[in-house]
Amino acid sequence: MEKVLDNTLTEKSKDNAERKTKMKMKLTVGEEDNRKEIETAAENSRLRGELDKLRSQLPQAAIIIQQPAQDFPDRERLSLLSKLEKAETRVRTLEKQLEENSKRWGRQKQDMLTRLREHNYGLERTLSTVAHDLPLKSV
């Protein structure tokens, strides 16, 4: 009988110990949840403050950005249009020059690469140029 009582007493003490550890775990989980809630609430309040600050600054920034429309006199408008036209023609001529120069530089580069390869392989050019496919002079 004493053994049975001892066994039940030890079982109860084990159960109580398990319950206590479970309760402690629940408390730590609960404390962690509570801590997370506090952190999120603090973050929310900080973000709300930033939003309020931005909202108060928004009308001032919009006023600074907007500028009143200006009406130009006809002479000034015509002079601006002529300047624009001159600038556009200059851009077109510069683009043409750039295209021509790039073609010329490409040909020169290819010619130099050909000469370099000929030199590396021992093929030297002669000083006299040979004219091919020219019509013969009739006497």
N, C-alpha and C. Protein backbone atom coordinates (compact mmCIF):
# COMPACT_ATOMS: atom_id res chain seq x y z
N MET A 1 0.81 -1.17 0.00
CA MET A 1 0.00 0.00 0.00
C MET A 1 0.87 1.26 0.00
N GLU A 2 1.91 1.22 0.76
CA GLU A 2 2.82 2.36 0.81
C GLU A 2 3.48 2.57 -0.55
N LYS A 3 3.79 1.48 -1.21
CA LYS A 3 4.41 1.58 -2.53
C LYS A 3 3.45 2.25 -3.51
N VAL A 4 2.19 1.88 -3.45
CA VAL A 4 1.20 2.45 -4.34
C VAL A 4 1.08 3.95 -4.07
N LEU A 5 1.05 4.34 -2.80
CA LEU A 5 0.96 5.75 -2.45
C LEU A 5 2.21 6.50 -2.91
N ASP A 6 3.36 5.89 -2.71
CA ASP A 6 4.60 6.52 -3.17
C ASP A 6 4.60 6.70 -4.69
N ASN A 7 4.14 5.68 -5.40
CA ASN A 7 4.08 5.76 -6.87
C ASN A 7 3.14 6.88 -7.32
N THR A 8 1.96 6.95 -6.71
CA THR A 8 1.01 7.99 -7.09
C THR A 8 1.56 9.37 -6.73
N LEU A 9 2.25 9.46 -5.59
CA LEU A 9 2.83 10.74 -5.18
C LEU A 9 3.93 11.18 -6.16
N THR A 10 4.77 10.25 -6.56
CA THR A 10 5.82 10.59 -7.53
C THR A 10 5.22 10.96 -8.89
N GLU A 11 4.16 10.24 -9.30
CA GLU A 11 3.50 10.57 -10.56
C GLU A 11 2.90 11.97 -10.51
N LYS A 12 2.26 12.29 -9.38
CA LYS A 12 1.67 13.62 -9.24
C LYS A 12 2.74 14.70 -9.25
N SER A 13 3.85 14.44 -8.59
CA SER A 13 4.92 15.44 -8.58
C SER A 13 5.51 15.62 -9.98
N LYS A 14 5.63 14.51 -10.72
CA LYS A 14 6.10 14.61 -12.10
C LYS A 14 5.12 15.42 -12.94
N ASP A 15 3.83 15.12 -12.78
CA ASP A 15 2.80 15.86 -13.53
C ASP A 15 2.84 17.34 -13.18
N ASN A 16 3.00 17.62 -11.88
CA ASN A 16 3.07 19.02 -11.46
C ASN A 16 4.29 19.71 -12.06
N ALA A 17 5.42 19.02 -12.11
CA ALA A 17 6.64 19.60 -12.68
C ALA A 17 6.44 19.87 -14.17
N GLU A 18 5.79 18.93 -14.87
CA GLU A 18 5.52 19.12 -16.30
C GLU A 18 4.59 20.30 -16.52
N ARG A 19 3.55 20.41 -15.66
CA ARG A 19 2.62 21.53 -15.78
C ARG A 19 3.33 22.85 -15.56
N LYS A 20 4.22 22.87 -14.57
CA LYS A 20 4.94 24.10 -14.27
C LYS A 20 5.82 24.52 -15.46
N THR A 21 6.51 23.54 -16.07
CA THR A 21 7.35 23.88 -17.22
C THR A 21 6.50 24.36 -18.40
N LYS A 22 5.33 23.70 -18.58
CA LYS A 22 4.44 24.14 -19.65
C LYS A 22 3.93 25.56 -19.39
N MET A 23 3.59 25.85 -18.15
CA MET A 23 3.12 27.18 -17.79
C MET A 23 4.21 28.22 -18.01
N LYS A 24 5.45 27.85 -17.64
CA LYS A 24 6.56 28.77 -17.85
C LYS A 24 6.75 29.04 -19.34
N MET A 25 6.64 27.97 -20.15
CA MET A 25 6.77 28.14 -21.59
C MET A 25 5.66 29.04 -22.13
N LYS A 26 4.43 28.82 -21.61
CA LYS A 26 3.33 29.66 -22.05
C LYS A 26 3.57 31.10 -21.65
N LEU A 27 4.10 31.30 -20.46
CA LEU A 27 4.38 32.66 -20.01
C LEU A 27 5.45 33.31 -20.88
N THR A 28 6.50 32.54 -21.21
CA THR A 28 7.55 33.13 -22.05
C THR A 28 7.01 33.43 -23.45
N VAL A 29 6.17 32.52 -23.98
CA VAL A 29 5.56 32.76 -25.29
C VAL A 29 4.63 33.97 -25.19
N GLY A 30 3.87 34.04 -24.13
CA GLY A 30 2.98 35.17 -23.93
C GLY A 30 3.75 36.46 -23.76
N GLU A 31 4.84 36.42 -23.03
CA GLU A 31 5.67 37.61 -22.86
C GLU A 31 6.27 38.04 -24.20
N GLU A 32 6.67 37.05 -24.99
CA GLU A 32 7.25 37.36 -26.30
C GLU A 32 6.19 38.00 -27.20
N ASP A 33 4.98 37.45 -27.17
CA ASP A 33 3.90 38.04 -27.96
C ASP A 33 3.62 39.47 -27.49
N ASN A 34 3.63 39.65 -26.18
CA ASN A 34 3.39 40.98 -25.62
C ASN A 34 4.48 41.96 -26.07
N ARG A 35 5.72 41.50 -26.04
CA ARG A 35 6.84 42.33 -26.46
C ARG A 35 6.70 42.70 -27.94
N LYS A 36 6.29 41.72 -28.77
CA LYS A 36 6.11 41.99 -30.19
C LYS A 36 5.00 43.02 -30.42
N GLU A 37 3.92 42.90 -29.65
CA GLU A 37 2.83 43.87 -29.78
C GLU A 37 3.30 45.27 -29.42
N ILE A 38 4.10 45.37 -28.37
CA ILE A 38 4.60 46.67 -27.95
C ILE A 38 5.51 47.27 -29.02
N GLU A 39 6.37 46.42 -29.61
CA GLU A 39 7.27 46.90 -30.66
C GLU A 39 6.50 47.37 -31.89
N THR A 40 5.49 46.60 -32.29
CA THR A 40 4.71 47.00 -33.47
C THR A 40 3.92 48.27 -33.20
N ALA A 41 3.41 48.41 -31.98
CA ALA A 41 2.68 49.64 -31.64
C ALA A 41 3.61 50.84 -31.69
N ALA A 42 4.83 50.68 -31.18
CA ALA A 42 5.80 51.78 -31.22
C ALA A 42 6.16 52.12 -32.67
N GLU A 43 6.34 51.11 -33.50
CA GLU A 43 6.66 51.33 -34.92
C GLU A 43 5.50 52.04 -35.62
N ASN A 44 4.28 51.60 -35.32
CA ASN A 44 3.11 52.24 -35.92
C ASN A 44 3.02 53.72 -35.54
N SER A 45 3.25 54.02 -34.27
CA SER A 45 3.17 55.42 -33.84
C SER A 45 4.26 56.25 -34.51
N ARG A 46 5.45 55.68 -34.66
CA ARG A 46 6.54 56.39 -35.33
C ARG A 46 6.18 56.67 -36.79
N LEU A 47 5.63 55.66 -37.48
CA LEU A 47 5.26 55.83 -38.88
C LEU A 47 4.12 56.83 -39.04
N ARG A 48 3.16 56.82 -38.10
CA ARG A 48 2.08 57.81 -38.17
C ARG A 48 2.62 59.22 -38.02
N GLY A 49 3.59 59.38 -37.13
CA GLY A 49 4.21 60.69 -36.95
C GLY A 49 4.89 61.15 -38.23
N GLU A 50 5.59 60.24 -38.90
CA GLU A 50 6.25 60.59 -40.16
C GLU A 50 5.23 60.97 -41.23
N LEU A 51 4.11 60.22 -41.28
CA LEU A 51 3.06 60.53 -42.25
C LEU A 51 2.47 61.92 -41.99
N ASP A 52 2.21 62.22 -40.74
CA ASP A 52 1.68 63.54 -40.41
C ASP A 52 2.65 64.64 -40.81
N LYS A 53 3.93 64.41 -40.57
CA LYS A 53 4.94 65.40 -40.93
C LYS A 53 4.97 65.60 -42.45
N LEU A 54 4.91 64.49 -43.20
CA LEU A 54 4.93 64.59 -44.66
C LEU A 54 3.68 65.28 -45.18
N ARG A 55 2.53 64.98 -44.56
CA ARG A 55 1.29 65.63 -45.01
C ARG A 55 1.34 67.13 -44.77
N SER A 56 1.94 67.52 -43.66
CA SER A 56 2.02 68.96 -43.38
C SER A 56 3.00 69.64 -44.34
N GLN A 57 4.01 68.94 -44.81
CA GLN A 57 4.99 69.52 -45.72
C GLN A 57 4.53 69.49 -47.16
N LEU A 58 3.59 68.63 -47.51
CA LEU A 58 3.16 68.44 -48.89
C LEU A 58 2.60 69.72 -49.52
N PRO A 59 1.69 70.45 -48.89
CA PRO A 59 1.19 71.66 -49.55
C PRO A 59 2.28 72.70 -49.80
N GLN A 60 3.22 72.82 -48.89
CA GLN A 60 4.30 73.78 -49.08
C GLN A 60 5.15 73.40 -50.28
N ALA A 61 5.47 72.10 -50.42
CA ALA A 61 6.28 71.64 -51.54
C ALA A 61 5.55 71.84 -52.86
N ALA A 62 4.23 71.60 -52.87
CA ALA A 62 3.46 71.76 -54.10
C ALA A 62 3.45 73.22 -54.54
N ILE A 63 3.40 74.12 -53.60
CA ILE A 63 3.39 75.54 -53.93
C ILE A 63 4.73 75.95 -54.53
N ILE A 64 5.80 75.42 -53.99
CA ILE A 64 7.13 75.76 -54.48
C ILE A 64 7.33 75.24 -55.90
N ILE A 65 6.85 74.05 -56.17
CA ILE A 65 7.06 73.43 -57.48
C ILE A 65 6.27 74.15 -58.56
N GLN A 66 5.05 74.56 -58.26
CA GLN A 66 4.21 75.18 -59.28
C GLN A 66 4.68 76.60 -59.55
N GLN A 67 4.78 76.91 -60.83
CA GLN A 67 5.16 78.25 -61.24
C GLN A 67 4.06 78.81 -62.14
N PRO A 68 3.81 80.08 -62.04
CA PRO A 68 2.74 80.65 -62.88
C PRO A 68 3.14 80.60 -64.35
N ALA A 69 2.14 80.39 -65.18
CA ALA A 69 2.38 80.35 -66.62
C ALA A 69 2.72 81.75 -67.12
N GLN A 70 3.70 81.84 -68.01
CA GLN A 70 4.12 83.14 -68.53
C GLN A 70 3.75 83.23 -70.01
N ASP A 71 3.17 84.34 -70.37
CA ASP A 71 2.86 84.58 -71.77
C ASP A 71 4.00 85.38 -72.39
N PHE A 72 4.54 84.86 -73.49
CA PHE A 72 5.64 85.53 -74.17
C PHE A 72 5.07 86.45 -75.25
N PRO A 73 5.68 87.57 -75.45
CA PRO A 73 5.29 88.42 -76.58
C PRO A 73 5.66 87.73 -77.89
N ASP A 74 5.03 88.19 -78.97
CA ASP A 74 5.23 87.54 -80.28
C ASP A 74 6.68 87.62 -80.74
N ARG A 75 7.33 88.75 -80.54
CA ARG A 75 8.72 88.88 -80.98
C ARG A 75 9.62 87.89 -80.25
N GLU A 76 9.41 87.80 -78.95
CA GLU A 76 10.25 86.88 -78.17
C GLU A 76 9.99 85.44 -78.57
N ARG A 77 8.71 85.14 -78.82
CA ARG A 77 8.36 83.78 -79.25
C ARG A 77 9.02 83.45 -80.58
N LEU A 78 8.99 84.39 -81.52
CA LEU A 78 9.61 84.16 -82.83
C LEU A 78 11.12 84.02 -82.71
N SER A 79 11.73 84.82 -81.86
CA SER A 79 13.19 84.71 -81.71
C SER A 79 13.55 83.36 -81.07
N LEU A 80 12.74 82.92 -80.12
CA LEU A 80 13.00 81.60 -79.52
C LEU A 80 12.82 80.48 -80.53
N LEU A 81 11.80 80.60 -81.38
CA LEU A 81 11.59 79.59 -82.42
C LEU A 81 12.74 79.56 -83.42
N SER A 82 13.25 80.73 -83.79
CA SER A 82 14.37 80.76 -84.73
C SER A 82 15.62 80.16 -84.09
N LYS A 83 15.85 80.45 -82.81
CA LYS A 83 16.99 79.84 -82.11
C LYS A 83 16.85 78.33 -82.05
N LEU A 84 15.62 77.88 -81.80
CA LEU A 84 15.37 76.43 -81.76
C LEU A 84 15.65 75.80 -83.12
N GLU A 85 15.21 76.46 -84.18
CA GLU A 85 15.43 75.95 -85.53
C GLU A 85 16.92 75.86 -85.85
N LYS A 86 17.66 76.92 -85.50
CA LYS A 86 19.11 76.91 -85.72
C LYS A 86 19.78 75.78 -84.95
N ALA A 87 19.35 75.59 -83.72
CA ALA A 87 19.95 74.53 -82.90
C ALA A 87 19.65 73.16 -83.50
N GLU A 88 18.43 72.97 -84.00
CA GLU A 88 18.08 71.68 -84.60
C GLU A 88 18.89 71.42 -85.86
N THR A 89 19.08 72.44 -86.70
CA THR A 89 19.88 72.24 -87.91
C THR A 89 21.33 71.94 -87.54
N ARG A 90 21.83 72.62 -86.52
CA ARG A 90 23.20 72.34 -86.06
C ARG A 90 23.32 70.90 -85.57
N VAL A 91 22.33 70.44 -84.85
CA VAL A 91 22.34 69.05 -84.37
C VAL A 91 22.35 68.09 -85.55
N ARG A 92 21.52 68.37 -86.56
CA ARG A 92 21.48 67.48 -87.72
C ARG A 92 22.82 67.44 -88.45
N THR A 93 23.45 68.61 -88.63
CA THR A 93 24.75 68.63 -89.32
C THR A 93 25.82 67.92 -88.49
N LEU A 94 25.78 68.11 -87.18
CA LEU A 94 26.76 67.42 -86.34
C LEU A 94 26.55 65.91 -86.38
N GLU A 95 25.28 65.48 -86.43
CA GLU A 95 25.02 64.04 -86.53
C GLU A 95 25.54 63.49 -87.85
N LYS A 96 25.36 64.24 -88.95
CA LYS A 96 25.89 63.79 -90.24
C LYS A 96 27.40 63.70 -90.21
N GLN A 97 28.04 64.73 -89.63
CA GLN A 97 29.50 64.72 -89.53
C GLN A 97 29.98 63.54 -88.70
N LEU A 98 29.28 63.28 -87.61
CA LEU A 98 29.64 62.15 -86.75
C LEU A 98 29.53 60.83 -87.51
N GLU A 99 28.47 60.69 -88.28
CA GLU A 99 28.28 59.47 -89.06
C GLU A 99 29.38 59.31 -90.11
N GLU A 100 29.70 60.39 -90.82
CA GLU A 100 30.76 60.33 -91.83
C GLU A 100 32.11 60.03 -91.20
N ASN A 101 32.41 60.70 -90.10
CA ASN A 101 33.69 60.46 -89.42
C ASN A 101 33.79 59.03 -88.91
N SER A 102 32.69 58.51 -88.38
CA SER A 102 32.75 57.13 -87.87
C SER A 102 32.98 56.14 -89.01
N LYS A 103 32.36 56.40 -90.17
CA LYS A 103 32.60 55.52 -91.32
C LYS A 103 34.05 55.60 -91.76
N ARG A 104 34.57 56.84 -91.84
CA ARG A 104 35.96 57.02 -92.26
C ARG A 104 36.91 56.36 -91.26
N TRP A 105 36.66 56.57 -89.98
CA TRP A 105 37.53 55.98 -88.97
C TRP A 105 37.45 54.45 -88.99
N GLY A 106 36.26 53.92 -89.29
CA GLY A 106 36.12 52.47 -89.41
C GLY A 106 36.94 51.93 -90.56
N ARG A 107 36.90 52.66 -91.72
CA ARG A 107 37.71 52.22 -92.86
C ARG A 107 39.19 52.29 -92.53
N GLN A 108 39.61 53.38 -91.88
CA GLN A 108 41.03 53.52 -91.51
C GLN A 108 41.45 52.42 -90.54
N LYS A 109 40.60 52.11 -89.61
CA LYS A 109 40.93 51.05 -88.64
C LYS A 109 41.08 49.72 -89.36
N GLN A 110 40.13 49.43 -90.25
CA GLN A 110 40.20 48.17 -90.98
C GLN A 110 41.46 48.11 -91.84
N ASP A 111 41.82 49.22 -92.47
CA ASP A 111 43.04 49.28 -93.29
C ASP A 111 44.27 49.04 -92.42
N MET A 112 44.31 49.66 -91.26
CA MET A 112 45.46 49.47 -90.36
C MET A 112 45.54 48.04 -89.85
N LEU A 113 44.38 47.44 -89.55
CA LEU A 113 44.39 46.04 -89.12
C LEU A 113 44.88 45.12 -90.23
N THR A 114 44.47 45.43 -91.47
CA THR A 114 44.93 44.63 -92.61
C THR A 114 46.44 44.77 -92.77
N ARG A 115 46.95 46.00 -92.68
CA ARG A 115 48.40 46.21 -92.78
C ARG A 115 49.15 45.48 -91.66
N LEU A 116 48.59 45.52 -90.45
CA LEU A 116 49.23 44.84 -89.32
C LEU A 116 49.29 43.34 -89.56
N ARG A 117 48.19 42.77 -90.04
CA ARG A 117 48.19 41.33 -90.33
C ARG A 117 49.19 40.99 -91.43
N GLU A 118 49.23 41.83 -92.47
CA GLU A 118 50.19 41.59 -93.55
C GLU A 118 51.61 41.67 -93.02
N HIS A 119 51.88 42.62 -92.16
CA HIS A 119 53.21 42.75 -91.58
C HIS A 119 53.54 41.54 -90.71
N ASN A 120 52.57 41.09 -89.92
CA ASN A 120 52.81 39.93 -89.05
C ASN A 120 53.06 38.66 -89.84
N TYR A 121 52.42 38.54 -91.00
CA TYR A 121 52.62 37.34 -91.82
C TYR A 121 53.73 37.51 -92.84
N GLY A 122 54.42 38.64 -92.81
CA GLY A 122 55.56 38.83 -93.69
C GLY A 122 55.20 39.35 -95.06
N LEU A 123 54.01 39.82 -95.27
CA LEU A 123 53.60 40.38 -96.55
C LEU A 123 53.74 41.90 -96.47
N GLU A 124 54.74 42.44 -97.14
CA GLU A 124 54.98 43.88 -97.11
C GLU A 124 54.38 44.52 -98.35
N ARG A 125 53.84 45.70 -98.18
CA ARG A 125 53.31 46.44 -99.32
C ARG A 125 54.46 47.17 -100.02
N THR A 126 54.32 47.31 -101.30
CA THR A 126 55.33 48.05 -102.06
C THR A 126 54.95 49.53 -102.10
N LEU A 127 55.93 50.36 -102.38
CA LEU A 127 55.67 51.79 -102.42
C LEU A 127 54.88 52.19 -103.66
N SER A 128 55.06 51.46 -104.74
CA SER A 128 54.33 51.80 -105.96
C SER A 128 52.94 51.18 -105.89
N THR A 129 51.97 51.96 -106.25
CA THR A 129 50.60 51.46 -106.23
C THR A 129 50.28 50.84 -107.58
N VAL A 130 49.54 49.79 -107.55
CA VAL A 130 49.15 49.11 -108.77
C VAL A 130 47.69 49.45 -109.02
N ALA A 131 47.41 49.99 -110.20
CA ALA A 131 46.04 50.36 -110.54
C ALA A 131 45.39 49.19 -111.24
N HIS A 132 44.29 48.76 -110.70
CA HIS A 132 43.56 47.64 -111.29
C HIS A 132 42.28 48.16 -111.94
N ASP A 133 41.85 47.47 -112.94
CA ASP A 133 40.58 47.74 -113.62
C ASP A 133 40.47 49.17 -114.14
N LEU A 134 41.56 49.73 -114.60
CA LEU A 134 41.51 51.06 -115.21
C LEU A 134 41.44 50.89 -116.73
N PRO A 135 40.72 51.76 -117.41
CA PRO A 135 40.67 51.64 -118.89
C PRO A 135 42.03 51.98 -119.50
N LEU A 136 42.34 51.28 -120.54
CA LEU A 136 43.61 51.50 -121.23
C LEU A 136 43.53 52.77 -122.08
N LYS A 137 44.67 53.48 -122.16
CA LYS A 137 44.71 54.69 -122.99
C LYS A 137 44.83 54.28 -124.46
N SER A 138 44.03 54.88 -125.23
CA SER A 138 44.16 54.62 -126.67
C SER A 138 44.94 55.76 -127.31
N VAL A 139 45.94 55.38 -128.09
CA VAL A 139 46.82 56.37 -128.72
C VAL A 139 46.38 56.68 -130.10
